[in-house]
């Protein structure tokens, strides 16, 4: 936020985006899986399904004026909301 003030940015917004299910399809994290596992819409849902949720824009000016602890709590709550939305959107 200090960099934004130094750059004289007055109307910037930040937001949260979350991708749920990426751990199940990423071969770098799985053992003995050479390629990602596809989950096309015409097949039954499984653990490989993904969902993306984008949160509402957050005013960076307001965030830059918050104390650190309050800012962290606020951002954690916003990410929890977006995570919940992504999990609800994800095919089971």
Protein backbone atom coordinates (compact mmCIF):
# COMPACT_ATOMS: atom_id res chain seq x y z
CA UNK A 1 0.00 0.00 0.00
CA UNK A 2 2.90 2.34 0.69
CA UNK A 3 4.05 1.82 -2.91
CA UNK A 4 0.62 2.90 -4.14
CA UNK A 5 0.81 6.07 -2.09
CA UNK A 6 4.34 6.73 -3.33
CA UNK A 7 3.14 6.26 -6.93
CA UNK A 8 0.29 8.69 -6.25
CA UNK A 9 -2.42 6.17 -7.12
CA UNK A 10 -5.70 7.43 -5.75
CA UNK A 11 -8.38 5.18 -7.20
CA UNK A 12 -7.02 1.66 -7.22
CA UNK A 13 -9.00 -1.43 -6.34
CA UNK A 14 -7.81 -4.84 -5.31
CA UNK A 15 -9.79 -8.05 -5.14
CA UNK A 16 -9.57 -11.72 -4.36
CA UNK A 17 -9.84 -14.59 -6.80
CA UNK A 18 -9.72 -18.18 -5.74
CA UNK A 19 -9.32 -21.45 -7.62
CA UNK A 20 -10.68 -24.50 -5.79
CA UNK A 21 -9.71 -28.01 -6.75
CA UNK A 22 -6.35 -27.22 -8.33
CA UNK A 23 -4.46 -29.45 -5.90
CA UNK A 24 -6.27 -32.54 -7.19
CA UNK A 25 -5.32 -31.97 -10.82
CA UNK A 26 -1.78 -30.60 -10.48
CA UNK A 27 0.77 -33.30 -11.34
CA UNK A 28 3.51 -31.42 -9.50
CA UNK A 29 1.77 -32.11 -6.20
CA UNK A 30 0.45 -35.61 -6.84
CA UNK A 31 2.52 -38.76 -6.68
CA UNK A 32 3.12 -40.75 -9.88
CA UNK A 33 0.76 -38.65 -12.01
CA UNK A 34 2.49 -37.56 -15.24
CA UNK A 35 -0.32 -35.30 -16.54
CA UNK A 36 -3.25 -33.37 -15.07
CA UNK A 37 -6.50 -35.33 -14.81
CA UNK A 38 -9.23 -33.80 -16.97
CA UNK A 39 -12.79 -33.34 -15.70
CA UNK A 40 -14.90 -32.39 -18.73
CA UNK A 41 -18.51 -31.38 -18.18
CA UNK A 42 -19.86 -34.43 -20.05
CA UNK A 43 -18.24 -36.81 -17.51
CA UNK A 44 -19.33 -37.37 -13.90
CA UNK A 45 -17.91 -34.97 -11.34
CA UNK A 46 -14.97 -36.10 -9.26
CA UNK A 47 -12.19 -34.69 -7.15
CA UNK A 48 -10.60 -33.21 -10.30
CA UNK A 49 -13.28 -30.56 -10.84
CA UNK A 50 -12.36 -26.88 -10.62
CA UNK A 51 -14.24 -23.76 -9.70
CA UNK A 52 -13.14 -20.13 -9.89
CA UNK A 53 -14.71 -17.37 -7.84
CA UNK A 54 -13.81 -13.70 -8.01
CA UNK A 55 -14.59 -11.51 -5.04
CA UNK A 56 -15.90 -8.00 -5.04
CA UNK A 57 -13.44 -5.14 -5.63
CA UNK A 58 -11.87 -3.72 -2.48
CA UNK A 59 -10.92 -0.07 -2.24
CA UNK A 60 -7.14 0.07 -1.85
CA UNK A 61 -7.29 3.55 -0.32
CA UNK A 62 -9.43 2.22 2.51
CA UNK A 63 -7.17 -0.80 2.98
CA UNK A 64 -4.02 1.31 3.06
CA UNK A 65 -5.36 3.27 6.04
CA UNK A 66 -6.16 0.16 8.13
CA UNK A 67 -3.89 -1.05 10.92
CA UNK A 68 -1.99 -4.21 9.94
CA UNK A 69 -3.87 -6.63 12.21
CA UNK A 70 -7.28 -5.29 11.17
CA UNK A 71 -6.25 -5.45 7.51
CA UNK A 72 -5.16 -9.09 7.82
CA UNK A 73 -8.41 -10.05 9.54
CA UNK A 74 -10.45 -8.22 6.89
CA UNK A 75 -8.59 -9.88 4.00
CA UNK A 76 -8.87 -13.31 5.66
CA UNK A 77 -12.64 -12.84 5.96
CA UNK A 78 -12.93 -11.72 2.32
CA UNK A 79 -10.91 -14.72 1.12
CA UNK A 80 -13.05 -17.04 3.25
CA UNK A 81 -16.17 -15.66 1.53
CA UNK A 82 -14.66 -16.18 -1.93
CA UNK A 83 -13.44 -19.67 -0.98
CA UNK A 84 -16.92 -20.62 0.20
CA UNK A 85 -18.42 -19.35 -3.06
CA UNK A 86 -15.90 -21.32 -5.13
CA UNK A 87 -16.56 -24.51 -3.17
CA UNK A 88 -20.33 -24.10 -3.69
CA UNK A 89 -19.78 -23.61 -7.44
CA UNK A 90 -17.54 -26.65 -7.76
CA UNK A 91 -19.21 -29.78 -9.17
CA UNK A 92 -19.24 -32.59 -6.64
